Protein backbone atom coordinates (compact mmCIF):
# COMPACT_ATOMS: atom_id res chain seq x y z
CA MET A 1 27.23 24.37 38.47
CA SER A 2 23.59 23.26 38.43
CA LYS A 3 21.92 20.37 36.63
CA ARG A 4 20.15 23.21 34.39
CA ASP A 5 23.04 25.42 33.74
CA SER A 6 25.09 22.47 32.30
CA MET A 7 22.09 21.43 29.95
CA VAL A 8 22.70 21.62 26.05
CA THR A 9 19.43 22.92 24.16
CA LEU A 10 19.14 22.85 20.35
CA HIS A 11 16.39 24.52 18.23
CA LYS A 12 16.51 23.26 14.65
CA LEU A 13 13.90 24.93 12.50
CA THR A 14 13.38 23.71 8.79
CA ILE A 15 11.33 26.17 6.35
CA THR A 16 9.65 25.05 3.17
CA ILE A 17 9.52 27.58 0.86
CA LYS A 18 6.96 27.27 -2.31
CA THR A 19 7.50 30.62 -4.84
CA THR A 20 6.75 31.95 -7.51
CA GLU A 21 9.68 34.36 -6.53
CA LYS A 22 12.45 34.69 -9.87
CA ASN A 23 15.28 35.30 -6.84
CA LEU A 24 15.97 31.61 -6.22
CA GLU A 25 19.10 31.72 -8.25
CA ASP A 26 20.20 34.91 -6.89
CA THR A 27 22.96 34.82 -5.03
CA LYS A 28 22.81 38.23 -3.60
CA TRP A 29 18.93 37.89 -2.79
CA LEU A 30 19.52 34.65 -0.94
CA LEU A 31 22.11 35.43 1.24
CA SER A 32 20.24 38.98 1.91
CA LEU A 33 17.34 36.73 2.88
CA CYS A 34 19.30 34.17 5.12
CA ARG A 35 20.87 37.34 6.94
CA ASN A 36 17.18 39.00 7.57
CA LEU A 37 15.75 35.72 8.78
CA ALA A 38 18.64 34.95 11.17
CA ARG A 39 18.45 39.12 12.42
CA LEU A 40 15.05 38.44 13.28
CA SER A 41 15.80 35.17 14.82
CA GLY A 42 18.37 37.12 17.09
CA LEU A 43 20.72 35.43 15.80
CA ARG A 44 24.58 36.51 14.84
CA VAL A 45 26.40 36.03 11.45
CA LEU A 46 30.19 35.40 11.74
CA LYS A 47 30.27 34.02 7.99
CA GLU A 48 28.74 33.53 4.84
CA ASP A 49 29.16 31.92 1.50
CA PHE A 50 27.33 30.26 -1.26
CA ALA A 51 27.06 27.28 -4.00
CA ARG A 52 25.87 27.47 -7.66
CA PHE A 53 25.00 24.01 -9.11
CA GLU A 54 25.47 23.20 -12.82
CA GLY A 55 22.41 23.34 -14.06
CA ARG A 56 20.09 25.33 -11.93
CA GLY A 57 19.77 25.57 -8.21
CA VAL A 58 22.36 27.49 -5.65
CA THR A 59 22.88 26.71 -1.41
CA ALA A 60 23.72 29.63 0.67
CA PHE A 61 25.17 29.05 4.13
CA LEU A 62 25.62 31.39 7.15
CA ILE A 63 28.17 30.69 9.94
CA LEU A 64 26.43 31.64 13.32
CA ALA A 65 27.58 32.63 16.52
CA GLN A 66 25.05 30.37 17.98
CA SER A 67 25.07 27.40 14.87
CA HIS A 68 24.22 27.59 11.26
CA LEU A 69 21.91 28.71 8.45
CA SER A 70 21.49 27.12 5.36
CA ILE A 71 19.12 28.03 1.84
CA HIS A 72 18.83 25.23 -0.89
CA THR A 73 16.68 25.83 -4.04
CA TRP A 74 15.25 24.51 -6.08
CA PRO A 75 14.03 27.39 -9.18
CA GLU A 76 12.92 25.06 -11.47
CA TYR A 77 10.19 23.68 -9.06
CA GLY A 78 9.74 27.18 -7.24
CA LEU A 79 11.03 25.39 -4.08
CA ALA A 80 13.60 26.16 -1.25
CA TYR A 81 14.50 25.07 1.98
CA VAL A 82 16.03 26.83 4.75
CA ASP A 83 17.37 24.56 7.82
CA ILE A 84 18.30 26.38 11.11
CA LEU A 85 20.22 24.95 13.81
CA SER A 86 21.03 27.18 16.57
CA ASN A 87 21.65 26.44 20.49
CA LYS A 88 19.16 29.78 21.17
CA ASP A 89 15.60 29.18 22.00
CA ILE A 90 13.84 31.03 18.57
CA THR A 91 10.73 32.20 20.38
CA ASP A 92 7.28 31.75 18.29
CA GLU A 93 7.48 35.45 17.87
CA GLU A 94 10.39 35.66 15.83
CA ILE A 95 9.17 32.41 13.81
CA ALA A 96 6.17 34.50 13.45
CA SER A 97 8.23 37.90 11.90
CA MET A 98 10.30 35.00 9.98
CA LYS A 99 6.99 34.19 7.94
CA ASP A 100 5.86 37.35 7.58
CA CYS A 101 8.90 38.45 5.61
CA LEU A 102 8.30 35.35 3.30
CA ILE A 103 4.83 36.86 2.46
CA LYS A 104 4.88 36.13 -1.45
CA SER A 105 5.59 32.52 -0.72
CA GLU A 106 3.51 29.45 0.57
CA VAL A 107 5.43 28.40 3.88
CA GLU A 108 5.48 25.64 6.16
CA ILE A 109 7.69 25.62 9.11
CA VAL A 110 8.62 22.84 11.13
CA SER A 111 10.31 23.48 14.54
CA PHE A 112 11.66 21.15 17.11
CA LYS A 113 13.62 21.82 20.25
CA SER A 114 15.89 19.54 22.27
CA THR A 115 17.39 19.78 25.32
CA LYS A 116 19.98 16.88 26.47
CA GLU A 117 22.26 16.73 29.22
CA PRO A 118 26.03 17.03 27.88
CA LEU A 119 27.97 13.44 28.23
């Protein structure tokens, strides 16, 4: 195995969503959004779950074949944060597709890629 083949690549995306959508407490809608973001990124969902917090807010979580995706909502502020960690390189086109699916929202996406040699 070459040194290149043994490298570990991680791609982390953080998506900040500011929206007037009333769905930030709707777990079915949030899980559907997460599944859609995973599909647009070429990621495969293995399991999903969510937690509803006292007062307001929801966290939804997808376990992916490539790592995980989570969304955390603050409905009282119209905010949601999505974190995606993947060992698959998510392309610029896939990132653009994710942004397009959030058309009714103000969206900021921060992308960080890291390649490391295993210990």
